[in-house]
Amino acid sequence: MSNFRSAQDKAHPNKSSTLMLAIITLLILIVALQIWLLYTGLNNALTQHADVALIACIVSVLLFVAAVGLLYFLPGKRR
């Protein structure tokens, strides 16, 4: 029985490139969302709306955890 890593190592290089491109695109999207949440949270915190800033912080932490989880799926080095 194989796991994800061994199956990924046996995959064709084009499939690995497509997977890497999709993961990098998702990571860029997550970082852009986190920047927007930072802007929104700071803007609302400065106008005395701390509840929006707290929600933005929680969502940003969840996006960070999702981004770290996506790093597992990046293809390793070719041998």
C-alpha atoms as a PDB file:
ATOM      1  CA  MET A   1       0.000   0.000   0.000  1.00  0.00           C
ATOM      2  CA  SER A   2       1.417   3.372  -0.972  1.00  0.00           C
ATOM      3  CA  ASN A   3       0.975   6.679   0.683  1.00  0.00           C
ATOM      4  CA  PHE A   4       0.665  10.132  -0.861  1.00  0.00           C
ATOM      5  CA  ARG A   5       4.421  10.853  -0.883  1.00  0.00           C
ATOM      6  CA  SER A   6       5.455   7.641  -2.638  1.00  0.00           C
ATOM      7  CA  ALA A   7       2.685   8.024  -5.220  1.00  0.00           C
ATOM      8  CA  GLN A   8       3.745  11.604  -5.809  1.00  0.00           C
ATOM      9  CA  ASP A   9       7.370  10.563  -6.308  1.00  0.00           C
ATOM     10  CA  LYS A  10       6.303   8.083  -9.002  1.00  0.00           C
ATOM     11  CA  ALA A  11       4.116  10.624 -10.834  1.00  0.00           C
ATOM     12  CA  HIS A  12       5.038  12.045 -14.211  1.00  0.00           C
ATOM     13  CA  PRO A  13       6.958  15.379 -13.968  1.00  0.00           C
ATOM     14  CA  ASN A  14       4.150  17.214 -15.780  1.00  0.00           C
ATOM     15  CA  LYS A  15       1.679  16.159 -13.095  1.00  0.00           C
ATOM     16  CA  SER A  16       4.052  17.358 -10.389  1.00  0.00           C
ATOM     17  CA  SER A  17       4.456  20.703 -12.156  1.00  0.00           C
ATOM     18  CA  THR A  18       0.691  21.131 -12.432  1.00  0.00           C
ATOM     19  CA  LEU A  19       0.244  20.288  -8.761  1.00  0.00           C
ATOM     20  CA  MET A  20       2.976  22.717  -7.756  1.00  0.00           C
ATOM     21  CA  LEU A  21       1.457  25.504  -9.859  1.00  0.00           C
ATOM     22  CA  ALA A  22      -1.977  24.962  -8.308  1.00  0.00           C
ATOM     23  CA  ILE A  23      -0.591  24.955  -4.755  1.00  0.00           C
ATOM     24  CA  ILE A  24       1.507  28.078  -5.335  1.00  0.00           C
ATOM     25  CA  THR A  25      -1.535  29.834  -6.818  1.00  0.00           C
ATOM     26  CA  LEU A  26      -3.599  28.932  -3.747  1.00  0.00           C
ATOM     27  CA  LEU A  27      -0.814  30.146  -1.444  1.00  0.00           C
ATOM     28  CA  ILE A  28      -0.646  33.485  -3.273  1.00  0.00           C
ATOM     29  CA  LEU A  29      -4.423  33.820  -2.953  1.00  0.00           C
ATOM     30  CA  ILE A  30      -4.246  33.041   0.779  1.00  0.00           C
ATOM     31  CA  VAL A  31      -1.498  35.637   1.318  1.00  0.00           C
ATOM     32  CA  ALA A  32      -3.522  38.242  -0.598  1.00  0.00           C
ATOM     33  CA  LEU A  33      -6.561  37.489   1.583  1.00  0.00           C
ATOM     34  CA  GLN A  34      -4.435  37.806   4.713  1.00  0.00           C
ATOM     35  CA  ILE A  35      -3.124  41.197   3.591  1.00  0.00           C
ATOM     36  CA  TRP A  36      -6.686  42.348   2.959  1.00  0.00           C
ATOM     37  CA  LEU A  37      -7.746  41.054   6.390  1.00  0.00           C
ATOM     38  CA  LEU A  38      -4.822  42.893   8.001  1.00  0.00           C
ATOM     39  CA  TYR A  39      -5.869  46.120   6.324  1.00  0.00           C
ATOM     40  CA  THR A  40      -9.514  45.627   7.294  1.00  0.00           C
ATOM     41  CA  GLY A  41      -8.693  44.640  10.857  1.00  0.00           C
ATOM     42  CA  LEU A  42      -6.370  47.583  11.427  1.00  0.00           C
ATOM     43  CA  ASN A  43      -8.786  50.022   9.819  1.00  0.00           C
ATOM     44  CA  ASN A  44     -11.659  48.823  12.029  1.00  0.00           C
ATOM     45  CA  ALA A  45      -9.507  48.676  15.155  1.00  0.00           C
ATOM     46  CA  LEU A  46      -8.506  52.319  14.661  1.00  0.00           C
ATOM     47  CA  THR A  47     -12.168  53.300  14.345  1.00  0.00           C
ATOM     48  CA  GLN A  48     -13.041  51.536  17.622  1.00  0.00           C
ATOM     49  CA  HIS A  49     -14.657  48.459  16.028  1.00  0.00           C
ATOM     50  CA  ALA A  50     -12.622  45.800  17.791  1.00  0.00           C
ATOM     51  CA  ASP A  51     -15.135  43.036  17.033  1.00  0.00           C
ATOM     52  CA  VAL A  52     -14.344  43.166  13.305  1.00  0.00           C
ATOM     53  CA  ALA A  53     -10.616  43.180  14.061  1.00  0.00           C
ATOM     54  CA  LEU A  54     -10.991  40.090  16.252  1.00  0.00           C
ATOM     55  CA  ILE A  55     -12.895  38.206  13.548  1.00  0.00           C
ATOM     56  CA  ALA A  56     -10.275  39.226  10.961  1.00  0.00           C
ATOM     57  CA  CYS A  57      -7.535  37.923  13.259  1.00  0.00           C
ATOM     58  CA  ILE A  58      -9.266  34.576  13.749  1.00  0.00           C
ATOM     59  CA  VAL A  59      -9.852  34.132  10.007  1.00  0.00           C
ATOM     60  CA  SER A  60      -6.238  35.089   9.290  1.00  0.00           C
ATOM     61  CA  VAL A  61      -4.985  32.441  11.719  1.00  0.00           C
ATOM     62  CA  LEU A  62      -7.222  29.831  10.043  1.00  0.00           C
ATOM     63  CA  LEU A  63      -5.860  30.835   6.632  1.00  0.00           C
ATOM     64  CA  PHE A  64      -2.319  30.515   7.987  1.00  0.00           C
ATOM     65  CA  VAL A  65      -3.058  26.981   9.186  1.00  0.00           C
ATOM     66  CA  ALA A  66      -4.517  26.143   5.757  1.00  0.00           C
ATOM     67  CA  ALA A  67      -1.387  27.513   4.034  1.00  0.00           C
ATOM     68  CA  VAL A  68       0.905  25.459   6.258  1.00  0.00           C
ATOM     69  CA  GLY A  69      -1.243  22.418   5.509  1.00  0.00           C
ATOM     70  CA  LEU A  70      -0.886  23.029   1.760  1.00  0.00           C
ATOM     71  CA  LEU A  71       2.899  22.947   2.076  1.00  0.00           C
ATOM     72  CA  TYR A  72       2.663  19.211   2.780  1.00  0.00           C
ATOM     73  CA  PHE A  73       1.375  18.617  -0.741  1.00  0.00           C
ATOM     74  CA  LEU A  74       4.255  20.369  -2.510  1.00  0.00           C
ATOM     75  CA  PRO A  75       6.259  17.895  -4.564  1.00  0.00           C
ATOM     76  CA  GLY A  76       9.682  16.989  -3.219  1.00  0.00           C
ATOM     77  CA  LYS A  77      12.969  17.114  -5.073  1.00  0.00           C
ATOM     78  CA  ARG A  78      13.468  14.735  -7.958  1.00  0.00           C
ATOM     79  CA  ARG A  79      16.149  12.119  -7.373  1.00  0.00           C
END
